[in-house]
Amino acid sequence: MSGADNYQKVPLARSLNQFAERKVRGAMALLGSVLPAEVVSVSNSIVTVKFLIANTTGSPYTLPNVTIPVAGPEYVRMPTQAGDKGVVIPSDVYLGGVSGLGGGTADLSLQANLSSLIFLPIGNKNFSATDDPNSTVIYGPDGVILRDMGKKTTFTLTSSGIVINLQAGDAVTINGTLIVSENLQLGGSIESQSGGIYGGNIATSGGVTAGAGGPDSVDLQTHEHPTAEPGSPSPPTPGT
C-alpha cells in the first residue's frame, strides 16, 4: 500500500481526533493537579511533602518529594507535624516571590507542574472529638502560645499549667470577679490599683498569719482575746 492511499487505512477524521486528544493530554500534563500528600518534614511555615499516589498504571515515573509553603497567614501558625496529611493545590503562576522560596515577581509564563504548589491540611474522621462543636477549639501537641509580634507579652498553656510573661510595668487586668478554687500564691504585695496600701476588705474564715515583726507591726480593726470570766479580761494567749 502506498502512502497516497494510507487514508483508506486510517481515516482522516479519526487521526485528527487522536492527534487533538494527544495534544490536550500533553498540555494538561504540564499543569499542576490537586493531589493527596503527607508532610515529611517541617521548617517554619514551609513543608516537604510526599505524594500519596499509587502507581497502578505501570508508569515509569515516580513523583519526587517537593518543598512548598503551607496555606495560612503569618499571624496564625498551625502546629504542622511530620505525618500530617492533606492536599496540594497548584497555582497558575510562580509563587517564589511570595513564599520566600525564591525571589522576583510572578509572570504568566508556564510553570513546571510541581513547582507552584501549596499544602493545605484537610479534616479527618480520626481527629480527637471537639469539646464543643459551636466553639472555636485551639490546641497543639505541646499546648498553645498567645503572644504579640514582639514577644513582649506571652500566654503559654501546656499540660502542666498556664504561664503569663509580661514586660516590667505591664499588668493583667480583670474587669470582673476573680474566682480561685484552690490556693492563691503571691510573690509580691497586695496593693491598690493606684499603688500604695490596699484600702479594701479581705474576708476569710481561716487564720491569717502575718510575718514576724516588732510591736504594732500588724494593724487590725477589731481584736478580741478570750476572757477567764464574763467581763473579766485575761492576758492574751500566745499565738492569738
Protein backbone atom coordinates (compact mmCIF):
# COMPACT_ATOMS: atom_id res chain seq x y z
CA MET A 1 0.00 0.00 0.00
CA SER A 2 1.44 3.35 -0.98
CA GLY A 3 1.46 6.45 1.20
CA ALA A 4 -1.04 8.06 -1.12
CA ASP A 5 -3.84 5.66 -0.22
CA ASN A 6 -2.96 5.34 3.54
CA TYR A 7 -6.08 7.39 4.35
CA GLN A 8 -8.11 4.31 3.48
CA LYS A 9 -6.38 2.51 6.38
CA VAL A 10 -6.52 5.46 8.90
CA PRO A 11 -9.44 7.81 8.16
CA LEU A 12 -8.59 11.49 8.41
CA ALA A 13 -11.39 12.29 10.87
CA ARG A 14 -10.16 9.61 13.26
CA SER A 15 -6.50 10.56 13.03
CA LEU A 16 -7.28 14.26 13.58
CA ASN A 17 -9.31 13.39 16.67
CA GLN A 18 -6.49 11.24 18.08
CA PHE A 19 -3.99 14.00 17.32
CA ALA A 20 -6.13 16.55 19.19
CA GLU A 21 -6.53 14.22 22.18
CA ARG A 22 -2.78 13.70 22.44
CA LYS A 23 -2.18 17.44 22.32
CA VAL A 24 -4.78 18.09 25.03
CA ARG A 25 -3.38 15.36 27.29
CA GLY A 26 0.13 16.72 26.80
CA ALA A 27 -0.98 20.25 27.70
CA MET A 28 -2.88 19.02 30.77
CA ALA A 29 0.17 17.08 31.92
CA LEU A 30 2.06 20.36 32.08
CA LEU A 31 -0.48 21.81 34.50
CA GLY A 32 -0.49 21.14 38.24
CA SER A 33 -3.05 18.84 39.85
CA VAL A 34 -4.73 18.71 43.25
CA LEU A 35 -3.11 15.63 44.80
CA PRO A 36 -3.13 13.97 48.24
CA ALA A 37 0.12 14.39 50.15
CA GLU A 38 1.76 13.74 53.52
CA VAL A 39 4.18 16.01 55.37
CA VAL A 40 7.72 14.59 55.59
CA SER A 41 9.45 17.48 57.36
CA VAL A 42 8.63 20.98 58.61
CA SER A 43 10.64 24.19 58.64
CA ASN A 44 8.64 27.13 59.97
CA SER A 45 5.74 27.56 57.51
CA ILE A 46 7.45 25.52 54.80
CA VAL A 47 6.95 21.77 54.47
CA THR A 48 8.41 18.97 52.40
CA VAL A 49 5.71 16.55 51.31
CA LYS A 50 5.50 13.20 49.59
CA PHE A 51 2.62 12.35 47.28
CA LEU A 52 0.18 9.62 48.29
CA ILE A 53 -0.29 8.30 44.77
CA ALA A 54 -0.18 4.60 43.93
CA ASN A 55 1.38 3.70 40.58
CA THR A 56 -1.35 1.48 39.16
CA THR A 57 -0.77 2.42 35.50
CA GLY A 58 2.74 0.99 35.23
CA SER A 59 4.18 4.45 34.66
CA PRO A 60 7.98 4.58 34.91
CA TYR A 61 7.76 7.97 36.66
CA THR A 62 7.76 8.45 40.45
CA LEU A 63 6.67 11.80 41.82
CA PRO A 64 9.50 13.31 43.89
CA ASN A 65 9.15 14.98 47.28
CA VAL A 66 8.67 18.74 46.97
CA THR A 67 9.23 21.64 49.36
CA ILE A 68 6.29 24.04 49.36
CA PRO A 69 4.56 26.63 51.59
CA VAL A 70 1.67 25.83 53.92
CA ALA A 71 -1.58 27.66 53.25
CA GLY A 72 -2.19 30.20 56.02
CA PRO A 73 -1.25 33.68 57.27
CA GLU A 74 1.76 34.73 59.35
CA TYR A 75 -0.38 35.57 62.36
CA VAL A 76 -1.92 32.12 62.97
CA ARG A 77 0.58 29.26 62.91
CA MET A 78 -0.77 25.73 62.81
CA PRO A 79 1.38 23.12 64.62
CA THR A 80 2.05 21.15 61.43
CA GLN A 81 3.81 17.86 62.16
CA ALA A 82 5.55 15.24 60.06
CA GLY A 83 2.88 12.71 59.14
CA ASP A 84 0.08 15.26 58.77
CA LYS A 85 -1.98 14.61 55.66
CA GLY A 86 -3.66 16.99 53.26
CA VAL A 87 -3.71 18.02 49.63
CA VAL A 88 -1.50 20.16 47.41
CA ILE A 89 -3.13 22.89 45.35
CA PRO A 90 -1.44 24.26 42.21
CA SER A 91 -1.02 27.91 41.37
CA ASP A 92 -1.16 29.15 37.78
CA VAL A 93 1.98 31.26 38.23
CA TYR A 94 5.29 31.34 40.08
CA LEU A 95 4.98 31.65 43.90
CA GLY A 96 8.62 32.02 44.95
CA GLY A 97 8.32 35.77 45.37
CA VAL A 98 5.51 35.50 47.93
CA SER A 99 6.55 32.27 49.69
CA GLY A 100 10.19 33.23 50.22
CA LEU A 101 11.35 30.09 48.40
CA GLY A 102 12.70 32.25 45.62
CA GLY A 103 12.68 35.84 44.51
CA GLY A 104 11.38 38.11 41.85
CA THR A 105 7.87 38.75 40.63
CA ALA A 106 5.46 36.30 39.06
CA ASP A 107 4.61 36.49 35.37
CA LEU A 108 2.29 34.49 33.13
CA SER A 109 4.90 32.10 31.79
CA LEU A 110 4.09 28.39 32.09
CA GLN A 111 5.46 26.73 35.23
CA ALA A 112 6.54 23.15 35.80
CA ASN A 113 3.59 21.16 37.15
CA LEU A 114 5.17 20.51 40.59
CA SER A 115 6.85 23.88 41.08
CA SER A 116 3.95 26.09 42.28
CA LEU A 117 2.09 24.01 44.85
CA ILE A 118 0.62 24.91 48.26
CA PHE A 119 -0.02 22.41 51.06
CA LEU A 120 -3.46 22.51 52.62
CA PRO A 121 -4.35 20.24 55.58
CA ILE A 122 -7.76 18.62 55.48
CA GLY A 123 -10.13 17.19 58.09
CA ASN A 124 -10.04 13.56 59.16
CA LYS A 125 -12.66 11.47 60.94
CA ASN A 126 -9.97 10.22 63.34
CA PHE A 127 -9.24 13.68 64.77
CA SER A 128 -9.92 13.96 68.52
CA ALA A 129 -13.50 14.99 69.21
CA THR A 130 -14.14 18.70 69.67
CA ASP A 131 -15.14 19.87 73.15
CA ASP A 132 -17.97 21.94 71.72
CA PRO A 133 -18.91 21.99 68.01
CA ASN A 134 -20.21 25.54 68.42
CA SER A 135 -16.97 26.91 69.89
CA THR A 136 -13.54 27.56 68.44
CA VAL A 137 -11.18 24.93 69.86
CA ILE A 138 -7.44 25.62 69.74
CA TYR A 139 -4.86 23.07 70.84
CA GLY A 140 -1.47 21.72 69.87
CA PRO A 141 0.67 18.69 70.71
CA ASP A 142 2.53 20.78 73.33
CA GLY A 143 -0.18 23.35 74.08
CA VAL A 144 -0.99 26.87 72.91
CA ILE A 145 1.02 30.09 72.83
CA LEU A 146 -0.57 33.53 72.50
CA ARG A 147 1.78 36.47 72.03
CA ASP A 148 2.27 39.83 70.37
CA MET A 149 4.63 40.12 67.41
CA GLY A 150 7.48 41.43 69.56
CA LYS A 151 7.04 38.67 72.20
CA LYS A 152 6.69 41.30 74.94
CA THR A 153 3.65 39.51 76.38
CA THR A 154 3.22 35.75 76.13
CA PHE A 155 0.47 33.44 77.34
CA THR A 156 1.64 29.83 77.35
CA LEU A 157 -0.76 26.95 78.03
CA THR A 158 0.69 23.48 78.48
CA SER A 159 -0.41 20.24 80.11
CA SER A 160 1.23 21.40 83.37
CA GLY A 161 -0.40 24.83 83.64
CA ILE A 162 -0.52 28.39 82.32
CA VAL A 163 2.33 30.90 82.39
CA ILE A 164 1.87 34.59 81.57
CA ASN A 165 5.02 36.63 80.98
CA LEU A 166 4.80 40.44 80.93
CA GLN A 167 7.24 43.27 80.49
CA ALA A 168 8.10 45.27 83.63
CA GLY A 169 5.28 47.70 84.39
CA ASP A 170 2.67 45.81 82.34
CA ALA A 171 -0.33 44.20 84.01
CA VAL A 172 -3.12 41.68 83.62
CA THR A 173 -6.45 43.49 84.06
CA ILE A 174 -9.60 41.60 85.06
CA ASN A 175 -12.84 43.56 84.90
CA GLY A 176 -14.99 41.26 86.99
CA THR A 177 -14.74 38.74 89.78
CA LEU A 178 -11.68 36.53 90.07
CA ILE A 179 -12.63 33.13 91.46
CA VAL A 180 -9.87 30.77 92.62
CA SER A 181 -10.98 27.33 93.81
CA GLU A 182 -7.61 26.40 95.30
CA ASN A 183 -4.61 28.21 96.78
CA LEU A 184 -3.68 31.76 95.80
CA GLN A 185 0.08 32.17 95.95
CA LEU A 186 1.69 35.59 95.69
CA GLY A 187 5.29 36.59 95.21
CA GLY A 188 4.65 40.26 95.92
CA SER A 189 2.37 42.61 97.82
CA ILE A 190 -1.34 43.30 97.62
CA GLU A 191 -1.65 46.94 96.59
CA SER A 192 -4.35 49.32 95.37
CA GLN A 193 -4.69 49.97 91.64
CA SER A 194 -3.04 53.36 92.08
CA GLY A 195 -0.24 51.87 94.17
CA GLY A 196 0.30 52.03 97.89
CA ILE A 197 -1.83 50.46 100.60
CA TYR A 198 -4.88 48.44 99.57
CA GLY A 199 -7.94 50.03 101.15
CA GLY A 200 -10.49 47.26 100.59
CA ASN A 201 -11.55 44.37 102.77
CA ILE A 202 -10.07 40.90 102.84
CA ALA A 203 -12.52 38.44 104.38
CA THR A 204 -11.52 34.94 105.40
CA SER A 205 -12.91 32.25 107.65
CA GLY A 206 -9.47 30.79 108.20
CA GLY A 207 -6.48 32.05 110.07
CA VAL A 208 -4.32 34.98 109.00
CA THR A 209 -0.60 34.50 109.53
CA ALA A 210 1.48 37.67 109.49
CA GLY A 211 5.21 37.92 109.21
CA ALA A 212 7.15 38.29 112.45
CA GLY A 213 7.90 41.88 113.44
CA GLY A 214 8.08 44.35 116.24
CA PRO A 215 5.19 45.79 118.24
CA ASP A 216 2.25 47.18 116.24
CA SER A 217 3.54 45.61 113.04
CA VAL A 218 0.05 44.29 112.29
CA ASP A 219 -2.93 46.68 112.38
CA LEU A 220 -6.38 45.19 113.00
CA GLN A 221 -9.76 46.93 113.01
CA THR A 222 -11.06 44.59 115.78
CA HIS A 223 -9.17 42.26 118.02
CA GLU A 224 -10.54 40.23 120.94
CA HIS A 225 -8.87 37.92 123.42
CA PRO A 226 -10.54 35.17 125.45
CA THR A 227 -11.62 36.05 128.99
CA ALA A 228 -11.39 33.98 132.15
CA GLU A 229 -14.85 35.12 133.30
CA PRO A 230 -17.51 37.31 131.67
CA GLY A 231 -16.38 40.92 131.99
CA SER A 232 -13.02 39.93 133.45
CA PRO A 233 -10.25 40.20 130.82
CA SER A 234 -7.29 37.88 130.92
CA PRO A 235 -3.83 38.24 129.36
CA PRO A 236 -3.56 37.33 125.66
CA THR A 237 -2.89 33.72 124.89
CA PRO A 238 0.41 33.34 122.98
CA GLY A 239 -0.21 32.84 119.29
CA THR A 240 -3.66 34.51 119.26
